[in-house]
PDB file of N, CA and C in Angstrom:
ATOM      1  N   MET A   1     -10.116 -54.718 -12.012  1.00  0.00           N
ATOM      2  CA  MET A   1      -9.937 -53.327 -12.339  1.00  0.00           C
ATOM      3  C   MET A   1     -11.255 -52.565 -12.349  1.00  0.00           C
ATOM      4  N   VAL A   2     -12.285 -53.189 -12.756  1.00  0.00           N
ATOM      5  CA  VAL A   2     -13.565 -52.516 -12.811  1.00  0.00           C
ATOM      6  C   VAL A   2     -14.027 -52.160 -11.410  1.00  0.00           C
ATOM      7  N   LYS A   3     -13.735 -53.019 -10.448  1.00  0.00           N
ATOM      8  CA  LYS A   3     -14.142 -52.754  -9.079  1.00  0.00           C
ATOM      9  C   LYS A   3     -13.414 -51.539  -8.519  1.00  0.00           C
ATOM     10  N   LYS A   4     -12.138 -51.390  -8.880  1.00  0.00           N
ATOM     11  CA  LYS A   4     -11.383 -50.249  -8.394  1.00  0.00           C
ATOM     12  C   LYS A   4     -11.980 -48.948  -8.900  1.00  0.00           C
ATOM     13  N   LYS A   5     -12.374 -48.925 -10.163  1.00  0.00           N
ATOM     14  CA  LYS A   5     -12.974 -47.721 -10.711  1.00  0.00           C
ATOM     15  C   LYS A   5     -14.289 -47.401 -10.015  1.00  0.00           C
ATOM     16  N   SER A   6     -15.103 -48.390  -9.804  1.00  0.00           N
ATOM     17  CA  SER A   6     -16.385 -48.140  -9.152  1.00  0.00           C
ATOM     18  C   SER A   6     -16.179 -47.732  -7.687  1.00  0.00           C
ATOM     19  N   SER A   7     -15.199 -48.366  -7.011  1.00  0.00           N
ATOM     20  CA  SER A   7     -14.965 -47.995  -5.623  1.00  0.00           C
ATOM     21  C   SER A   7     -14.381 -46.583  -5.549  1.00  0.00           C
ATOM     22  N   TYR A   8     -13.539 -46.237  -6.512  1.00  0.00           N
ATOM     23  CA  TYR A   8     -12.986 -44.886  -6.546  1.00  0.00           C
ATOM     24  C   TYR A   8     -14.098 -43.876  -6.771  1.00  0.00           C
ATOM     25  N   ARG A   9     -14.980 -44.218  -7.703  1.00  0.00           N
ATOM     26  CA  ARG A   9     -16.099 -43.309  -7.961  1.00  0.00           C
ATOM     27  C   ARG A   9     -17.022 -43.208  -6.755  1.00  0.00           C
ATOM     28  N   SER A  10     -17.280 -44.331  -6.120  1.00  0.00           N
ATOM     29  CA  SER A  10     -18.187 -44.303  -4.974  1.00  0.00           C
ATOM     30  C   SER A  10     -17.549 -43.533  -3.810  1.00  0.00           C
ATOM     31  N   SER A  11     -16.248 -43.726  -3.594  1.00  0.00           N
ATOM     32  CA  SER A  11     -15.613 -42.976  -2.506  1.00  0.00           C
ATOM     33  C   SER A  11     -15.560 -41.494  -2.849  1.00  0.00           C
ATOM     34  N   ARG A  12     -15.347 -41.213  -4.111  1.00  0.00           N
ATOM     35  CA  ARG A  12     -15.340 -39.799  -4.532  1.00  0.00           C
ATOM     36  C   ARG A  12     -16.731 -39.182  -4.365  1.00  0.00           C
ATOM     37  N   LEU A  13     -17.749 -39.969  -4.708  1.00  0.00           N
ATOM     38  CA  LEU A  13     -19.116 -39.476  -4.545  1.00  0.00           C
ATOM     39  C   LEU A  13     -19.452 -39.270  -3.077  1.00  0.00           C
ATOM     40  N   THR A  14     -19.042 -40.173  -2.232  1.00  0.00           N
ATOM     41  CA  THR A  14     -19.322 -39.994  -0.810  1.00  0.00           C
ATOM     42  C   THR A  14     -18.570 -38.785  -0.261  1.00  0.00           C
ATOM     43  N   ALA A  15     -17.355 -38.570  -0.725  1.00  0.00           N
ATOM     44  CA  ALA A  15     -16.600 -37.394  -0.286  1.00  0.00           C
ATOM     45  C   ALA A  15     -17.294 -36.116  -0.741  1.00  0.00           C
ATOM     46  N   GLU A  16     -17.780 -36.126  -1.969  1.00  0.00           N
ATOM     47  CA  GLU A  16     -18.510 -34.959  -2.468  1.00  0.00           C
ATOM     48  C   GLU A  16     -19.809 -34.760  -1.704  1.00  0.00           C
ATOM     49  N   GLN A  17     -20.485 -35.871  -1.381  1.00  0.00           N
ATOM     50  CA  GLN A  17     -21.721 -35.766  -0.610  1.00  0.00           C
ATOM     51  C   GLN A  17     -21.447 -35.195   0.780  1.00  0.00           C
ATOM     52  N   GLU A  18     -20.373 -35.656   1.407  1.00  0.00           N
ATOM     53  CA  GLU A  18     -20.009 -35.138   2.717  1.00  0.00           C
ATOM     54  C   GLU A  18     -19.687 -33.641   2.640  1.00  0.00           C
ATOM     55  N   SER A  19     -18.972 -33.281   1.589  1.00  0.00           N
ATOM     56  CA  SER A  19     -18.637 -31.865   1.401  1.00  0.00           C
ATOM     57  C   SER A  19     -19.908 -31.036   1.215  1.00  0.00           C
ATOM     58  N   LEU A  20     -20.807 -31.544   0.412  1.00  0.00           N
ATOM     59  CA  LEU A  20     -22.064 -30.834   0.187  1.00  0.00           C
ATOM     60  C   LEU A  20     -22.905 -30.770   1.459  1.00  0.00           C
ATOM     61  N   LEU A  21     -22.882 -31.829   2.243  1.00  0.00           N
ATOM     62  CA  LEU A  21     -23.620 -31.815   3.512  1.00  0.00           C
ATOM     63  C   LEU A  21     -23.029 -30.786   4.469  1.00  0.00           C
ATOM     64  N   ARG A  22     -21.688 -30.696   4.523  1.00  0.00           N
ATOM     65  CA  ARG A  22     -21.050 -29.687   5.368  1.00  0.00           C
ATOM     66  C   ARG A  22     -21.424 -28.281   4.912  1.00  0.00           C
ATOM     67  N   GLN A  23     -21.384 -28.077   3.587  1.00  0.00           N
ATOM     68  CA  GLN A  23     -21.753 -26.764   3.055  1.00  0.00           C
ATOM     69  C   GLN A  23     -23.211 -26.431   3.361  1.00  0.00           C
ATOM     70  N   GLU A  24     -24.067 -27.446   3.248  1.00  0.00           N
ATOM     71  CA  GLU A  24     -25.481 -27.238   3.550  1.00  0.00           C
ATOM     72  C   GLU A  24     -25.670 -26.867   5.021  1.00  0.00           C
ATOM     73  N   LYS A  25     -24.930 -27.544   5.903  1.00  0.00           N
ATOM     74  CA  LYS A  25     -25.014 -27.241   7.334  1.00  0.00           C
ATOM     75  C   LYS A  25     -24.543 -25.809   7.603  1.00  0.00           C
ATOM     76  N   GLU A  26     -23.424 -25.410   6.972  1.00  0.00           N
ATOM     77  CA  GLU A  26     -22.920 -24.047   7.140  1.00  0.00           C
ATOM     78  C   GLU A  26     -23.937 -23.023   6.645  1.00  0.00           C
ATOM     79  N   LEU A  27     -24.553 -23.318   5.512  1.00  0.00           N
ATOM     80  CA  LEU A  27     -25.553 -22.408   4.969  1.00  0.00           C
ATOM     81  C   LEU A  27     -26.760 -22.297   5.893  1.00  0.00           C
ATOM     82  N   ARG A  28     -27.158 -23.400   6.480  1.00  0.00           N
ATOM     83  CA  ARG A  28     -28.279 -23.362   7.418  1.00  0.00           C
ATOM     84  C   ARG A  28     -27.938 -22.517   8.646  1.00  0.00           C
ATOM     85  N   GLU A  29     -26.694 -22.678   9.144  1.00  0.00           N
ATOM     86  CA  GLU A  29     -26.269 -21.879  10.298  1.00  0.00           C
ATOM     87  C   GLU A  29     -26.249 -20.388   9.942  1.00  0.00           C
ATOM     88  N   LYS A  30     -25.731 -20.081   8.761  1.00  0.00           N
ATOM     89  CA  LYS A  30     -25.701 -18.680   8.322  1.00  0.00           C
ATOM     90  C   LYS A  30     -27.113 -18.134   8.161  1.00  0.00           C
ATOM     91  N   GLU A  31     -27.999 -18.971   7.622  1.00  0.00           N
ATOM     92  CA  GLU A  31     -29.381 -18.550   7.449  1.00  0.00           C
ATOM     93  C   GLU A  31     -30.037 -18.271   8.796  1.00  0.00           C
ATOM     94  N   ALA A  32     -29.770 -19.140   9.773  1.00  0.00           N
ATOM     95  CA  ALA A  32     -30.337 -18.937  11.107  1.00  0.00           C
ATOM     96  C   ALA A  32     -29.791 -17.647  11.721  1.00  0.00           C
ATOM     97  N   LEU A  33     -28.493 -17.405  11.546  1.00  0.00           N
ATOM     98  CA  LEU A  33     -27.888 -16.180  12.063  1.00  0.00           C
ATOM     99  C   LEU A  33     -28.504 -14.949  11.404  1.00  0.00           C
ATOM    100  N   LEU A  34     -28.669 -15.012  10.104  1.00  0.00           N
ATOM    101  CA  LEU A  34     -29.264 -13.878   9.388  1.00  0.00           C
ATOM    102  C   LEU A  34     -30.715 -13.656   9.787  1.00  0.00           C
ATOM    103  N   ARG A  35     -31.440 -14.734  10.023  1.00  0.00           N
ATOM    104  CA  ARG A  35     -32.829 -14.578  10.469  1.00  0.00           C
ATOM    105  C   ARG A  35     -32.893 -13.924  11.849  1.00  0.00           C
ATOM    106  N   ARG A  36     -31.971 -14.309  12.756  1.00  0.00           N
ATOM    107  CA  ARG A  36     -31.932 -13.667  14.074  1.00  0.00           C
ATOM    108  C   ARG A  36     -31.608 -12.188  13.942  1.00  0.00           C
ATOM    109  N   ARG A  37     -30.624 -11.875  13.086  1.00  0.00           N
ATOM    110  CA  ARG A  37     -30.273 -10.466  12.874  1.00  0.00           C
ATOM    111  C   ARG A  37     -31.446  -9.693  12.286  1.00  0.00           C
ATOM    112  N   LEU A  38     -32.164 -10.328  11.383  1.00  0.00           N
ATOM    113  CA  LEU A  38     -33.317  -9.679  10.773  1.00  0.00           C
ATOM    114  C   LEU A  38     -34.399  -9.401  11.805  1.00  0.00           C
ATOM    115  N   GLN A  39     -34.560 -10.300  12.751  1.00  0.00           N
ATOM    116  CA  GLN A  39     -35.544 -10.075  13.809  1.00  0.00           C
ATOM    117  C   GLN A  39     -35.093  -8.970  14.755  1.00  0.00           C
ATOM    118  N   GLN A  40     -33.788  -8.843  14.972  1.00  0.00           N
ATOM    119  CA  GLN A  40     -33.260  -7.830  15.875  1.00  0.00           C
ATOM    120  C   GLN A  40     -33.134  -6.474  15.202  1.00  0.00           C
ATOM    121  N   LEU A  41     -33.155  -6.432  13.895  1.00  0.00           N
ATOM    122  CA  LEU A  41     -32.929  -5.193  13.151  1.00  0.00           C
ATOM    123  C   LEU A  41     -33.948  -4.094  13.454  1.00  0.00           C
ATOM    124  N   PRO A  42     -35.252  -4.361  13.515  1.00  0.00           N
ATOM    125  CA  PRO A  42     -36.185  -3.269  13.824  1.00  0.00           C
ATOM    126  C   PRO A  42     -35.918  -2.628  15.185  1.00  0.00           C
ATOM    127  N   ALA A  43     -35.574  -3.434  16.175  1.00  0.00           N
ATOM    128  CA  ALA A  43     -35.280  -2.871  17.500  1.00  0.00           C
ATOM    129  C   ALA A  43     -34.025  -2.008  17.448  1.00  0.00           C
ATOM    130  N   ALA A  44     -33.012  -2.468  16.725  1.00  0.00           N
ATOM    131  CA  ALA A  44     -31.776  -1.697  16.610  1.00  0.00           C
ATOM    132  C   ALA A  44     -32.024  -0.388  15.865  1.00  0.00           C
ATOM    133  N   MET A  45     -32.834  -0.442  14.818  1.00  0.00           N
ATOM    134  CA  MET A  45     -33.142   0.773  14.057  1.00  0.00           C
ATOM    135  C   MET A  45     -33.923   1.762  14.928  1.00  0.00           C
ATOM    136  N   GLU A  46     -34.813   1.242  15.747  1.00  0.00           N
ATOM    137  CA  GLU A  46     -35.576   2.110  16.643  1.00  0.00           C
ATOM    138  C   GLU A  46     -34.652   2.777  17.658  1.00  0.00           C
ATOM    139  N   LYS A  47     -33.701   2.024  18.217  1.00  0.00           N
ATOM    140  CA  LYS A  47     -32.731   2.606  19.148  1.00  0.00           C
ATOM    141  C   LYS A  47     -31.924   3.706  18.463  1.00  0.00           C
ATOM    142  N   LYS A  48     -31.496   3.427  17.235  1.00  0.00           N
ATOM    143  CA  LYS A  48     -30.700   4.404  16.489  1.00  0.00           C
ATOM    144  C   LYS A  48     -31.512   5.673  16.222  1.00  0.00           C
ATOM    145  N   ARG A  49     -32.766   5.488  15.865  1.00  0.00           N
ATOM    146  CA  ARG A  49     -33.621   6.641  15.594  1.00  0.00           C
ATOM    147  C   ARG A  49     -33.829   7.468  16.862  1.00  0.00           C
ATOM    148  N   LEU A  50     -34.022   6.792  17.987  1.00  0.00           N
ATOM    149  CA  LEU A  50     -34.205   7.502  19.251  1.00  0.00           C
ATOM    150  C   LEU A  50     -32.945   8.270  19.646  1.00  0.00           C
ATOM    151  N   ARG A  51     -31.762   7.652  19.435  1.00  0.00           N
ATOM    152  CA  ARG A  51     -30.512   8.345  19.749  1.00  0.00           C
ATOM    153  C   ARG A  51     -30.336   9.575  18.876  1.00  0.00           C
ATOM    154  N   GLN A  52     -30.662   9.445  17.574  1.00  0.00           N
ATOM    155  CA  GLN A  52     -30.545  10.593  16.675  1.00  0.00           C
ATOM    156  C   GLN A  52     -31.514  11.699  17.092  1.00  0.00           C
ATOM    157  N   LYS A  53     -32.711  11.316  17.449  1.00  0.00           N
ATOM    158  CA  LYS A  53     -33.697  12.308  17.885  1.00  0.00           C
ATOM    159  C   LYS A  53     -33.222  13.003  19.152  1.00  0.00           C
ATOM    160  N   GLU A  54     -32.641  12.241  20.074  1.00  0.00           N
ATOM    161  CA  GLU A  54     -32.118  12.817  21.310  1.00  0.00           C
ATOM    162  C   GLU A  54     -30.972  13.789  21.019  1.00  0.00           C
ATOM    163  N   ARG A  55     -30.082  13.401  20.113  1.00  0.00           N
ATOM    164  CA  ARG A  55     -28.978  14.297  19.732  1.00  0.00           C
ATOM    165  C   ARG A  55     -29.505  15.584  19.103  1.00  0.00           C
ATOM    166  N   GLN A  56     -30.514  15.444  18.266  1.00  0.00           N
ATOM    167  CA  GLN A  56     -31.074  16.628  17.614  1.00  0.00           C
ATOM    168  C   GLN A  56     -31.698  17.563  18.633  1.00  0.00           C
ATOM    169  N   THR A  57     -32.411  16.992  19.600  1.00  0.00           N
ATOM    170  CA  THR A  57     -33.023  17.860  20.608  1.00  0.00           C
ATOM    171  C   THR A  57     -31.955  18.538  21.453  1.00  0.00           C
ATOM    172  N   LYS A  58     -30.868  17.836  21.768  1.00  0.00           N
ATOM    173  CA  LYS A  58     -29.771  18.449  22.508  1.00  0.00           C
ATOM    174  C   LYS A  58     -29.118  19.543  21.677  1.00  0.00           C
ATOM    175  N   ALA A  59     -28.922  19.283  20.382  1.00  0.00           N
ATOM    176  CA  ALA A  59     -28.300  20.277  19.516  1.00  0.00           C
ATOM    177  C   ALA A  59     -29.187  21.507  19.394  1.00  0.00           C
ATOM    178  N   ILE A  60     -30.474  21.305  19.275  1.00  0.00           N
ATOM    179  CA  ILE A  60     -31.396  22.442  19.173  1.00  0.00           C
ATOM    180  C   ILE A  60     -31.377  23.228  20.477  1.00  0.00           C
ATOM    181  N   TYR A  61     -31.371  22.526  21.603  1.00  0.00           N
ATOM    182  CA  TYR A  61     -31.370  23.205  22.893  1.00  0.00           C
ATOM    183  C   TYR A  61     -30.088  24.021  23.059  1.00  0.00           C
ATOM    184  N   THR A  62     -28.944  23.428  22.731  1.00  0.00           N
ATOM    185  CA  THR A  62     -27.695  24.167  22.891  1.00  0.00           C
ATOM    186  C   THR A  62     -27.609  25.317  21.896  1.00  0.00           C
ATOM    187  N   THR A  63     -28.180  25.153  20.712  1.00  0.00           N
ATOM    188  CA  THR A  63     -28.169  26.239  19.732  1.00  0.00           C
ATOM    189  C   THR A  63     -29.008  27.404  20.239  1.00  0.00           C
ATOM    190  N   PHE A  64     -30.173  27.089  20.790  1.00  0.00           N
ATOM    191  CA  PHE A  64     -31.019  28.166  21.290  1.00  0.00           C
ATOM    192  C   PHE A  64     -30.395  28.857  22.494  1.00  0.00           C
ATOM    193  N   THR A  65     -29.854  28.107  23.416  1.00  0.00           N
ATOM    194  CA  THR A  65     -29.255  28.723  24.597  1.00  0.00           C
ATOM    195  C   THR A  65     -27.995  29.476  24.242  1.00  0.00           C
ATOM    196  N   GLY A  66     -27.218  28.971  23.285  1.00  0.00           N
ATOM    197  CA  GLY A  66     -25.992  29.655  22.888  1.00  0.00           C
ATOM    198  C   GLY A  66     -26.276  30.932  22.127  1.00  0.00           C
ATOM    199  N   SER A  67     -27.293  30.933  21.287  1.00  0.00           N
ATOM    200  CA  SER A  67     -27.574  32.119  20.473  1.00  0.00           C
ATOM    201  C   SER A  67     -28.225  33.216  21.299  1.00  0.00           C
ATOM    202  N   ALA A  68     -28.884  32.857  22.386  1.00  0.00           N
ATOM    203  CA  ALA A  68     -29.524  33.872  23.208  1.00  0.00           C
ATOM    204  C   ALA A  68     -28.483  34.687  23.974  1.00  0.00           C
ATOM    205  N   GLU A  69     -27.334  34.072  24.261  1.00  0.00           N
ATOM    206  CA  GLU A  69     -26.318  34.760  25.032  1.00  0.00           C
ATOM    207  C   GLU A  69     -25.470  35.686  24.174  1.00  0.00           C
ATOM    208  N   GLN A  70     -25.385  35.434  22.875  1.00  0.00           N
ATOM    209  CA  GLN A  70     -24.479  36.198  22.027  1.00  0.00           C
ATOM    210  C   GLN A  70     -25.175  37.429  21.471  1.00  0.00           C
ATOM    211  N   PRO A  71     -24.481  38.565  21.466  1.00  0.00           N
ATOM    212  CA  PRO A  71     -25.082  39.767  20.912  1.00  0.00           C
ATOM    213  C   PRO A  71     -24.999  39.779  19.389  1.00  0.00           C
ATOM    214  N   GLY A  72     -25.769  40.650  18.776  1.00  0.00           N
ATOM    215  CA  GLY A  72     -25.705  40.804  17.333  1.00  0.00           C
ATOM    216  C   GLY A  72     -26.964  40.324  16.657  1.00  0.00           C
ATOM    217  N   PRO A  73     -27.170  40.780  15.411  1.00  0.00           N
ATOM    218  CA  PRO A  73     -28.383  40.405  14.702  1.00  0.00           C
ATOM    219  C   PRO A  73     -28.421  38.927  14.311  1.00  0.00           C
ATOM    220  N   VAL A  74     -27.268  38.340  13.973  1.00  0.00           N
ATOM    221  CA  VAL A  74     -27.220  36.932  13.583  1.00  0.00           C
ATOM    222  C   VAL A  74     -26.320  36.232  14.577  1.00  0.00           C
ATOM    223  N   ALA A  75     -26.857  35.926  15.728  1.00  0.00           N
ATOM    224  CA  ALA A  75     -26.048  35.353  16.802  1.00  0.00           C
ATOM    225  C   ALA A  75     -25.768  33.880  16.550  1.00  0.00           C
ATOM    226  N   GLY A  76     -24.531  33.471  16.815  1.00  0.00           N
ATOM    227  CA  GLY A  76     -24.184  32.061  16.780  1.00  0.00           C
ATOM    228  C   GLY A  76     -23.776  31.514  15.435  1.00  0.00           C
ATOM    229  N   ARG A  77     -23.670  32.323  14.396  1.00  0.00           N
ATOM    230  CA  ARG A  77     -23.335  31.762  13.092  1.00  0.00           C
ATOM    231  C   ARG A  77     -21.839  31.568  12.899  1.00  0.00           C
ATOM    232  N   GLY A  78     -21.045  32.565  13.156  1.00  0.00           N
ATOM    233  CA  GLY A  78     -19.624  32.448  12.876  1.00  0.00           C
ATOM    234  C   GLY A  78     -18.811  31.890  14.024  1.00  0.00           C
ATOM    235  N   SER A  79     -19.347  31.897  15.211  1.00  0.00           N
ATOM    236  CA  SER A  79     -18.554  31.497  16.364  1.00  0.00           C
ATOM    237  C   SER A  79     -18.310  29.993  16.404  1.00  0.00           C
ATOM    238  N   ARG A  80     -19.209  29.178  15.900  1.00  0.00           N
ATOM    239  CA  ARG A  80     -19.027  27.738  15.947  1.00  0.00           C
ATOM    240  C   ARG A  80     -17.854  27.295  15.091  1.00  0.00           C
ATOM    241  N   ARG A  81     -17.637  27.958  13.977  1.00  0.00           N
ATOM    242  CA  ARG A  81     -16.555  27.577  13.085  1.00  0.00           C
ATOM    243  C   ARG A  81     -15.207  27.779  13.759  1.00  0.00           C
ATOM    244  N   HIS A  82     -15.073  28.851  14.538  1.00  0.00           N
ATOM    245  CA  HIS A  82     -13.805  29.134  15.177  1.00  0.00           C
ATOM    246  C   HIS A  82     -13.559  28.230  16.371  1.00  0.00           C
ATOM    247  N   SER A  83     -14.601  27.728  16.982  1.00  0.00           N
ATOM    248  CA  SER A  83     -14.427  26.895  18.166  1.00  0.00           C
ATOM    249  C   SER A  83     -14.044  25.463  17.822  1.00  0.00           C
ATOM    250  N   ARG A  84     -14.113  25.084  16.570  1.00  0.00           N
ATOM    251  CA  ARG A  84     -13.794  23.714  16.189  1.00  0.00           C
ATOM    252  C   ARG A  84     -12.298  23.434  16.230  1.00  0.00           C
ATOM    253  N   GLY A  85     -11.481  24.445  16.106  1.00  0.00           N
ATOM    254  CA  GLY A  85     -10.042  24.235  16.108  1.00  0.00           C
ATOM    255  C   GLY A  85      -9.425  24.901  14.901  1.00  0.00           C
ATOM    256  N   ALA A  86      -8.199  24.536  14.644  1.00  0.00           N
ATOM    257  CA  ALA A  86      -7.464  25.157  13.544  1.00  0.00           C
ATOM    258  C   ALA A  86      -7.994  24.666  12.199  1.00  0.00           C
ATOM    259  N   SER A  87      -7.880  25.535  11.208  1.00  0.00           N
ATOM    260  CA  SER A  87      -8.313  25.146   9.871  1.00  0.00           C
ATOM    261  C   SER A  87      -7.273  24.218   9.251  1.00  0.00           C
ATOM    262  N   LEU A  88      -7.599  23.680   8.111  1.00  0.00           N
ATOM    263  CA  LEU A  88      -6.700  22.755   7.428  1.00  0.00           C
ATOM    264  C   LEU A  88      -5.401  23.448   7.045  1.00  0.00           C
ATOM    265  N   ARG A  89      -5.504  24.674   6.605  1.00  0.00           N
ATOM    266  CA  ARG A  89      -4.314  25.429   6.210  1.00  0.00           C
ATOM    267  C   ARG A  89      -3.392  25.655   7.419  1.00  0.00           C
ATOM    268  N   GLU A  90      -3.989  25.975   8.561  1.00  0.00           N
ATOM    269  CA  GLU A  90      -3.189  26.187   9.775  1.00  0.00           C
ATOM    270  C   GLU A  90      -2.538  24.890  10.246  1.00  0.00           C
ATOM    271  N   LYS A  91      -3.251  23.789  10.145  1.00  0.00           N
ATOM    272  CA  LYS A  91      -2.684  22.501  10.541  1.00  0.00           C
ATOM    273  C   LYS A  91      -1.509  22.125   9.641  1.00  0.00           C
ATOM    274  N   ARG A  92      -1.663  22.333   8.344  1.00  0.00           N
ATOM    275  CA  ARG A  92      -0.593  22.030   7.401  1.00  0.00           C
ATOM    276  C   ARG A  92       0.633  22.890   7.683  1.00  0.00           C
ATOM    277  N   ALA A  93       0.418  24.188   7.962  1.00  0.00           N
ATOM    278  CA  ALA A  93       1.528  25.086   8.265  1.00  0.00           C
ATOM    279  C   ALA A  93       2.235  24.650   9.550  1.00  0.00           C
ATOM    280  N   ALA A  94       1.472  24.216  10.538  1.00  0.00           N
ATOM    281  CA  ALA A  94       2.063  23.749  11.789  1.00  0.00           C
ATOM    282  C   ALA A  94       2.904  22.491  11.561  1.00  0.00           C
ATOM    283  N   LYS A  95       2.433  21.589  10.712  1.00  0.00           N
ATOM    284  CA  LYS A  95       3.198  20.380  10.410  1.00  0.00           C
ATOM    285  C   LYS A  95       4.507  20.720   9.712  1.00  0.00           C
ATOM    286  N   ILE A  96       4.447  21.657   8.775  1.00  0.00           N
ATOM    287  CA  ILE A  96       5.657  22.058   8.057  1.00  0.00           C
ATOM    288  C   ILE A  96       6.655  22.691   9.014  1.00  0.00           C
ATOM    289  N   LYS A  97       6.186  23.550   9.898  1.00  0.00           N
ATOM    290  CA  LYS A  97       7.071  24.166  10.891  1.00  0.00           C
ATOM    291  C   LYS A  97       7.703  23.106  11.783  1.00  0.00           C
ATOM    292  N   PHE A  98       6.922  22.125  12.183  1.00  0.00           N
ATOM    293  CA  PHE A  98       7.437  21.062  13.030  1.00  0.00           C
ATOM    294  C   PHE A  98       8.539  20.287  12.324  1.00  0.00           C
ATOM    295  N   VAL A  99       8.321  19.950  11.058  1.00  0.00           N
ATOM    296  CA  VAL A  99       9.327  19.202  10.305  1.00  0.00           C
ATOM    297  C   VAL A  99      10.600  20.027  10.169  1.00  0.00           C
ATOM    298  N   ILE A 100      10.471  21.311   9.894  1.00  0.00           N
ATOM    299  CA  ILE A 100      11.646  22.176   9.762  1.00  0.00           C
ATOM    300  C   ILE A 100      12.410  22.245  11.080  1.00  0.00           C
ATOM    301  N   LEU A 101      11.701  22.383  12.185  1.00  0.00           N
ATOM    302  CA  LEU A 101      12.363  22.417  13.494  1.00  0.00           C
ATOM    303  C   LEU A 101      13.089  21.112  13.791  1.00  0.00           C
ATOM    304  N   ILE A 102      12.481  20.001  13.451  1.00  0.00           N
ATOM    305  CA  ILE A 102      13.130  18.707  13.669  1.00  0.00           C
ATOM    306  C   ILE A 102      14.398  18.603  12.830  1.00  0.00           C
ATOM    307  N   LEU A 103      14.351  19.056  11.576  1.00  0.00           N
ATOM    308  CA  LEU A 103      15.542  19.022  10.720  1.00  0.00           C
ATOM    309  C   LEU A 103      16.652  19.892  11.293  1.00  0.00           C
ATOM    310  N   ILE A 104      16.296  21.067  11.779  1.00  0.00           N
ATOM    311  CA  ILE A 104      17.300  21.963  12.363  1.00  0.00           C
ATOM    312  C   ILE A 104      17.919  21.320  13.603  1.00  0.00           C
ATOM    313  N   LEU A 105      17.089  20.756  14.453  1.00  0.00           N
ATOM    314  CA  LEU A 105      17.606  20.121  15.664  1.00  0.00           C
ATOM    315  C   LEU A 105      18.510  18.928  15.346  1.00  0.00           C
ATOM    316  N   THR A 106      18.131  18.128  14.383  1.00  0.00           N
ATOM    317  CA  THR A 106      18.979  16.983  14.023  1.00  0.00           C
ATOM    318  C   THR A 106      20.302  17.453  13.431  1.00  0.00           C
ATOM    319  N   SER A 107      20.265  18.498  12.613  1.00  0.00           N
ATOM    320  CA  SER A 107      21.526  18.999  12.047  1.00  0.00           C
ATOM    321  C   SER A 107      22.419  19.559  13.151  1.00  0.00           C
ATOM    322  N   LEU A 108      21.829  20.245  14.135  1.00  0.00           N
ATOM    323  CA  LEU A 108      22.628  20.745  15.256  1.00  0.00           C
ATOM    324  C   LEU A 108      23.243  19.597  16.047  1.00  0.00           C
ATOM    325  N   LEU A 109      22.471  18.578  16.301  1.00  0.00           N
ATOM    326  CA  LEU A 109      22.995  17.426  17.030  1.00  0.00           C
ATOM    327  C   LEU A 109      24.124  16.745  16.265  1.00  0.00           C
ATOM    328  N   ILE A 110      23.988  16.629  14.970  1.00  0.00           N
ATOM    329  CA  ILE A 110      25.040  16.018  14.150  1.00  0.00           C
ATOM    330  C   ILE A 110      26.299  16.867  14.205  1.00  0.00           C
ATOM    331  N   LEU A 111      26.158  18.188  14.102  1.00  0.00           N
ATOM    332  CA  LEU A 111      27.326  19.068  14.171  1.00  0.00           C
ATOM    333  C   LEU A 111      28.008  18.979  15.534  1.00  0.00           C
ATOM    334  N   ILE A 112      27.239  18.936  16.600  1.00  0.00           N
ATOM    335  CA  ILE A 112      27.814  18.810  17.935  1.00  0.00           C
ATOM    336  C   ILE A 112      28.526  17.460  18.087  1.00  0.00           C
ATOM    337  N   TRP A 113      27.895  16.416  17.570  1.00  0.00           N
ATOM    338  CA  TRP A 113      28.488  15.083  17.658  1.00  0.00           C
ATOM    339  C   TRP A 113      29.821  15.017  16.914  1.00  0.00           C
ATOM    340  N   GLN A 114      29.892  15.650  15.759  1.00  0.00           N
ATOM    341  CA  GLN A 114      31.119  15.622  14.969  1.00  0.00           C
ATOM    342  C   GLN A 114      32.224  16.468  15.612  1.00  0.00           C
ATOM    343  N   SER A 115      31.831  17.496  16.339  1.00  0.00           N
ATOM    344  CA  SER A 115      32.853  18.365  16.942  1.00  0.00           C
ATOM    345  C   SER A 115      33.446  17.784  18.218  1.00  0.00           C
ATOM    346  N   LEU A 116      32.826  16.747  18.766  1.00  0.00           N
ATOM    347  CA  LEU A 116      33.383  16.087  19.978  1.00  0.00           C
ATOM    348  C   LEU A 116      34.700  15.398  19.644  1.00  0.00           C
ATOM    349  N   PRO A 117      35.661  15.488  20.572  1.00  0.00           N
ATOM    350  CA  PRO A 117      36.934  14.796  20.303  1.00  0.00           C
ATOM    351  C   PRO A 117      36.774  13.288  20.475  1.00  0.00           C
ATOM    352  N   THR A 118      37.434  12.548  19.639  1.00  0.00           N
ATOM    353  CA  THR A 118      37.319  11.099  19.702  1.00  0.00           C
ATOM    354  C   THR A 118      38.424  10.463  20.493  1.00  0.00           C
TER     355      THR A 118
END
């Protein structure tokens, strides 16, 4: 009986050791992946900064060219808001109208269906 207990403990210990070795291997792989990402991060940040700078220069250029064409003392301030599309209130009203129209159409279809002879 004593041998069974020791063999059970030893097999349990080896299983735990194997589990810990697997976890250690996974952690090493994750560490290597994170180190690679850390090395790539400055280049990615530089690309992002360059893209933002490019967007800003394009936005400034379009703002200047757009404001030069528009008449008035404060050119280009209110026109951008209207060009974006409908406001939230208008979108909500359009959705409500759509739902009401769908309800009316379904009720008409139901009435027509019921009036058909069977």
